Amino acid sequence: MSRARWVRALFIFLLAAGFSAAVQAAERFHTTALGNAAVGGYDAVAYFTEGKPLKGLRKFTFRWQGANWRFASMQNMDLFKSNPEKYAPRYGGHCAWAVSARKMLYRGNPRSWQIVDGALYLNHNPSVEKRWLDDVSGHIQKADTVWDELNEDR
């Protein structure tokens, strides 16, 4: 095999391995296609501390569970590092209503969110969020079961 073919084969292998790792990470958390950013690049801690979504900055990035978590400040990044499960959105940042009502994984929108009993939930859009709000506790109960079932298949 010529050196050029060997280099090309190695490049294709590494590209495929990187894609495979990105797909595996996306199974646990919904991430952006570019940058593998959880919560669409928004600061997961800001929902709790600021009461609103804030865009995270690349300079405050922490890798956890195969995803890149971005934060608006070093303080928020440190809070996340100390207890990621507290701040990470439920259902991997997928749409909570879709997990509950459709038993499927669909992109959660960082701007359609709720904190319920200390947990962050994302939904796909304001229209879906209205459906979620019709029976939050029922949707959470059902989504918890569905999420466990979806994870058994992995």
C-alpha atoms as a PDB file:
ATOM      1  CA  MET A   1       0.000   0.000   0.000  1.00  0.00           C
ATOM      2  CA  SER A   2       1.399   3.389  -0.955  1.00  0.00           C
ATOM      3  CA  ARG A   3       1.966   6.018   1.689  1.00  0.00           C
ATOM      4  CA  ALA A   4      -0.803   8.214   0.231  1.00  0.00           C
ATOM      5  CA  ARG A   5      -3.328   5.356   0.374  1.00  0.00           C
ATOM      6  CA  TRP A   6      -2.242   4.471   3.887  1.00  0.00           C
ATOM      7  CA  VAL A   7      -2.670   8.087   5.049  1.00  0.00           C
ATOM      8  CA  ARG A   8      -6.082   8.292   3.342  1.00  0.00           C
ATOM      9  CA  ALA A   9      -7.207   5.006   4.942  1.00  0.00           C
ATOM     10  CA  LEU A  10      -6.026   6.201   8.350  1.00  0.00           C
ATOM     11  CA  PHE A  11      -7.866   9.519   7.879  1.00  0.00           C
ATOM     12  CA  ILE A  12     -11.100   7.721   6.944  1.00  0.00           C
ATOM     13  CA  PHE A  13     -10.744   5.400   9.939  1.00  0.00           C
ATOM     14  CA  LEU A  14     -10.166   8.305  12.341  1.00  0.00           C
ATOM     15  CA  LEU A  15     -13.059  10.254  10.843  1.00  0.00           C
ATOM     16  CA  ALA A  16     -15.366   7.242  11.261  1.00  0.00           C
ATOM     17  CA  ALA A  17     -14.161   6.694  14.837  1.00  0.00           C
ATOM     18  CA  GLY A  18     -14.810  10.337  15.662  1.00  0.00           C
ATOM     19  CA  PHE A  19     -18.278  10.172  14.134  1.00  0.00           C
ATOM     20  CA  SER A  20     -19.004   7.004  16.092  1.00  0.00           C
ATOM     21  CA  ALA A  21     -17.945   8.696  19.341  1.00  0.00           C
ATOM     22  CA  ALA A  22     -20.183  11.674  18.559  1.00  0.00           C
ATOM     23  CA  VAL A  23     -23.148   9.377  17.911  1.00  0.00           C
ATOM     24  CA  GLN A  24     -22.524   7.532  21.184  1.00  0.00           C
ATOM     25  CA  ALA A  25     -22.363  10.829  23.076  1.00  0.00           C
ATOM     26  CA  ALA A  26     -25.570  11.995  21.428  1.00  0.00           C
ATOM     27  CA  GLU A  27     -27.319   8.877  22.681  1.00  0.00           C
ATOM     28  CA  ARG A  28     -26.845   9.988  26.279  1.00  0.00           C
ATOM     29  CA  PHE A  29     -27.280  13.736  25.732  1.00  0.00           C
ATOM     30  CA  HIS A  30     -28.682  15.652  22.824  1.00  0.00           C
ATOM     31  CA  THR A  31     -25.783  17.716  21.479  1.00  0.00           C
ATOM     32  CA  THR A  32     -25.135  20.110  18.632  1.00  0.00           C
ATOM     33  CA  ALA A  33     -23.806  18.632  15.395  1.00  0.00           C
ATOM     34  CA  LEU A  34     -20.870  21.019  15.464  1.00  0.00           C
ATOM     35  CA  GLY A  35     -19.010  21.234  18.730  1.00  0.00           C
ATOM     36  CA  ASN A  36     -20.874  18.393  20.474  1.00  0.00           C
ATOM     37  CA  ALA A  37     -22.339  20.979  22.862  1.00  0.00           C
ATOM     38  CA  ALA A  38     -24.986  19.879  25.358  1.00  0.00           C
ATOM     39  CA  VAL A  39     -28.074  22.089  25.897  1.00  0.00           C
ATOM     40  CA  GLY A  40     -27.454  23.683  22.504  1.00  0.00           C
ATOM     41  CA  GLY A  41     -24.400  25.453  23.913  1.00  0.00           C
ATOM     42  CA  TYR A  42     -26.401  27.114  26.690  1.00  0.00           C
ATOM     43  CA  ASP A  43     -25.280  27.251  30.315  1.00  0.00           C
ATOM     44  CA  ALA A  44     -27.171  24.517  32.215  1.00  0.00           C
ATOM     45  CA  VAL A  45     -26.426  26.178  35.567  1.00  0.00           C
ATOM     46  CA  ALA A  46     -27.830  29.576  34.541  1.00  0.00           C
ATOM     47  CA  TYR A  47     -31.377  28.194  34.505  1.00  0.00           C
ATOM     48  CA  PHE A  48     -31.008  27.646  38.244  1.00  0.00           C
ATOM     49  CA  THR A  49     -28.917  30.684  39.199  1.00  0.00           C
ATOM     50  CA  GLU A  50     -30.240  33.321  36.767  1.00  0.00           C
ATOM     51  CA  GLY A  51     -33.694  31.904  36.079  1.00  0.00           C
ATOM     52  CA  LYS A  52     -33.156  32.167  32.329  1.00  0.00           C
ATOM     53  CA  PRO A  53     -31.174  30.598  29.504  1.00  0.00           C
ATOM     54  CA  LEU A  54     -27.741  32.110  28.889  1.00  0.00           C
ATOM     55  CA  LYS A  55     -25.406  31.175  26.056  1.00  0.00           C
ATOM     56  CA  GLY A  56     -22.275  29.436  27.249  1.00  0.00           C
ATOM     57  CA  LEU A  57     -18.830  30.554  26.164  1.00  0.00           C
ATOM     58  CA  ARG A  58     -16.256  28.276  24.550  1.00  0.00           C
ATOM     59  CA  LYS A  59     -13.634  29.408  27.039  1.00  0.00           C
ATOM     60  CA  PHE A  60     -15.756  27.904  29.845  1.00  0.00           C
ATOM     61  CA  THR A  61     -16.183  24.374  28.468  1.00  0.00           C
ATOM     62  CA  PHE A  62     -16.199  21.204  30.540  1.00  0.00           C
ATOM     63  CA  ARG A  63     -16.365  17.728  29.016  1.00  0.00           C
ATOM     64  CA  TRP A  64     -18.731  15.385  30.871  1.00  0.00           C
ATOM     65  CA  GLN A  65     -20.494  12.195  29.768  1.00  0.00           C
ATOM     66  CA  GLY A  66     -19.104  12.538  26.237  1.00  0.00           C
ATOM     67  CA  ALA A  67     -20.547  16.017  25.674  1.00  0.00           C
ATOM     68  CA  ASN A  68     -19.134  19.543  25.869  1.00  0.00           C
ATOM     69  CA  TRP A  69     -20.920  21.663  28.457  1.00  0.00           C
ATOM     70  CA  ARG A  70     -20.509  25.417  28.034  1.00  0.00           C
ATOM     71  CA  PHE A  71     -21.009  28.032  30.721  1.00  0.00           C
ATOM     72  CA  ALA A  72     -21.431  31.785  30.919  1.00  0.00           C
ATOM     73  CA  SER A  73     -18.887  32.034  33.750  1.00  0.00           C
ATOM     74  CA  MET A  74     -16.158  30.118  35.542  1.00  0.00           C
ATOM     75  CA  GLN A  75     -18.353  30.121  38.658  1.00  0.00           C
ATOM     76  CA  ASN A  76     -21.156  28.309  36.814  1.00  0.00           C
ATOM     77  CA  MET A  77     -18.693  25.821  35.361  1.00  0.00           C
ATOM     78  CA  ASP A  78     -17.357  25.101  38.852  1.00  0.00           C
ATOM     79  CA  LEU A  79     -20.901  24.606  40.166  1.00  0.00           C
ATOM     80  CA  PHE A  80     -21.603  22.133  37.386  1.00  0.00           C
ATOM     81  CA  LYS A  81     -18.337  20.264  37.991  1.00  0.00           C
ATOM     82  CA  SER A  82     -19.234  19.869  41.675  1.00  0.00           C
ATOM     83  CA  ASN A  83     -22.608  18.237  40.905  1.00  0.00           C
ATOM     84  CA  PRO A  84     -23.350  17.691  37.198  1.00  0.00           C
ATOM     85  CA  GLU A  85     -26.418  15.525  37.805  1.00  0.00           C
ATOM     86  CA  LYS A  86     -28.085  18.432  39.595  1.00  0.00           C
ATOM     87  CA  TYR A  87     -27.771  20.765  36.603  1.00  0.00           C
ATOM     88  CA  ALA A  88     -27.880  18.505  33.543  1.00  0.00           C
ATOM     89  CA  PRO A  89     -31.325  18.427  31.919  1.00  0.00           C
ATOM     90  CA  ARG A  90     -33.454  15.346  32.402  1.00  0.00           C
ATOM     91  CA  TYR A  91     -33.788  12.886  29.537  1.00  0.00           C
ATOM     92  CA  GLY A  92     -30.437  13.917  28.121  1.00  0.00           C
ATOM     93  CA  GLY A  93     -31.741  17.301  27.027  1.00  0.00           C
ATOM     94  CA  HIS A  94     -34.192  15.659  24.643  1.00  0.00           C
ATOM     95  CA  CYS A  95     -37.740  16.999  24.489  1.00  0.00           C
ATOM     96  CA  ALA A  96     -39.406  15.875  27.723  1.00  0.00           C
ATOM     97  CA  TRP A  97     -42.874  15.838  26.155  1.00  0.00           C
ATOM     98  CA  ALA A  98     -41.688  13.691  23.202  1.00  0.00           C
ATOM     99  CA  VAL A  99     -40.144  11.169  25.611  1.00  0.00           C
ATOM    100  CA  SER A 100     -43.395  11.046  27.575  1.00  0.00           C
ATOM    101  CA  ALA A 101     -46.075  11.264  24.894  1.00  0.00           C
ATOM    102  CA  ARG A 102     -44.348   9.797  21.836  1.00  0.00           C
ATOM    103  CA  LYS A 103     -41.722   7.508  23.420  1.00  0.00           C
ATOM    104  CA  MET A 104     -39.118   9.042  21.158  1.00  0.00           C
ATOM    105  CA  LEU A 105     -36.011  11.181  21.362  1.00  0.00           C
ATOM    106  CA  TYR A 106     -36.402  14.608  19.822  1.00  0.00           C
ATOM    107  CA  ARG A 107     -34.295  17.732  20.148  1.00  0.00           C
ATOM    108  CA  GLY A 108     -34.957  19.807  23.246  1.00  0.00           C
ATOM    109  CA  ASN A 109     -34.878  23.572  22.818  1.00  0.00           C
ATOM    110  CA  PRO A 110     -32.843  25.507  25.411  1.00  0.00           C
ATOM    111  CA  ARG A 111     -35.433  28.310  25.208  1.00  0.00           C
ATOM    112  CA  SER A 112     -38.412  26.049  26.043  1.00  0.00           C
ATOM    113  CA  TRP A 113     -37.631  24.962  29.558  1.00  0.00           C
ATOM    114  CA  GLN A 114     -39.008  24.377  33.034  1.00  0.00           C
ATOM    115  CA  ILE A 115     -37.472  23.592  36.394  1.00  0.00           C
ATOM    116  CA  VAL A 116     -39.691  21.185  38.323  1.00  0.00           C
ATOM    117  CA  ASP A 117     -38.728  19.920  41.775  1.00  0.00           C
ATOM    118  CA  GLY A 118     -35.134  20.995  41.214  1.00  0.00           C
ATOM    119  CA  ALA A 119     -34.741  19.312  37.805  1.00  0.00           C
ATOM    120  CA  LEU A 120     -34.348  20.983  34.403  1.00  0.00           C
ATOM    121  CA  TYR A 121     -36.624  19.852  31.565  1.00  0.00           C
ATOM    122  CA  LEU A 122     -36.400  20.992  27.942  1.00  0.00           C
ATOM    123  CA  ASN A 123     -39.138  20.792  25.328  1.00  0.00           C
ATOM    124  CA  HIS A 124     -38.987  21.228  21.570  1.00  0.00           C
ATOM    125  CA  ASN A 125     -40.858  24.539  21.249  1.00  0.00           C
ATOM    126  CA  PRO A 126     -43.460  26.696  23.033  1.00  0.00           C
ATOM    127  CA  SER A 127     -46.368  24.777  21.479  1.00  0.00           C
ATOM    128  CA  VAL A 128     -45.043  21.452  22.766  1.00  0.00           C
ATOM    129  CA  GLU A 129     -44.246  23.091  26.096  1.00  0.00           C
ATOM    130  CA  LYS A 130     -47.944  23.999  26.462  1.00  0.00           C
ATOM    131  CA  ARG A 131     -48.835  20.318  26.085  1.00  0.00           C
ATOM    132  CA  TRP A 132     -46.198  19.469  28.698  1.00  0.00           C
ATOM    133  CA  LEU A 133     -47.662  22.037  31.098  1.00  0.00           C
ATOM    134  CA  ASP A 134     -51.143  20.482  30.842  1.00  0.00           C
ATOM    135  CA  ASP A 135     -49.978  17.595  33.063  1.00  0.00           C
ATOM    136  CA  VAL A 136     -46.389  18.097  34.186  1.00  0.00           C
ATOM    137  CA  SER A 137     -46.374  15.481  36.946  1.00  0.00           C
ATOM    138  CA  GLY A 138     -48.079  12.915  34.701  1.00  0.00           C
ATOM    139  CA  HIS A 139     -45.627  13.568  31.885  1.00  0.00           C
ATOM    140  CA  ILE A 140     -42.663  13.303  34.246  1.00  0.00           C
ATOM    141  CA  GLN A 141     -43.913  10.016  35.663  1.00  0.00           C
ATOM    142  CA  LYS A 142     -44.464   8.556  32.203  1.00  0.00           C
ATOM    143  CA  ALA A 143     -41.216   9.977  30.775  1.00  0.00           C
ATOM    144  CA  ASP A 144     -39.187   8.518  33.658  1.00  0.00           C
ATOM    145  CA  THR A 145     -40.462   5.050  32.748  1.00  0.00           C
ATOM    146  CA  VAL A 146     -40.014   5.596  29.014  1.00  0.00           C
ATOM    147  CA  TRP A 147     -36.495   6.984  29.527  1.00  0.00           C
ATOM    148  CA  ASP A 148     -35.523   3.841  31.416  1.00  0.00           C
ATOM    149  CA  GLU A 149     -36.988   1.702  28.601  1.00  0.00           C
ATOM    150  CA  LEU A 150     -35.166   3.720  25.928  1.00  0.00           C
ATOM    151  CA  ASN A 151     -31.897   3.294  27.803  1.00  0.00           C
ATOM    152  CA  GLU A 152     -32.381  -0.487  28.122  1.00  0.00           C
ATOM    153  CA  ASP A 153     -32.246  -0.674  24.325  1.00  0.00           C
ATOM    154  CA  ARG A 154     -28.762   0.892  24.217  1.00  0.00           C
END
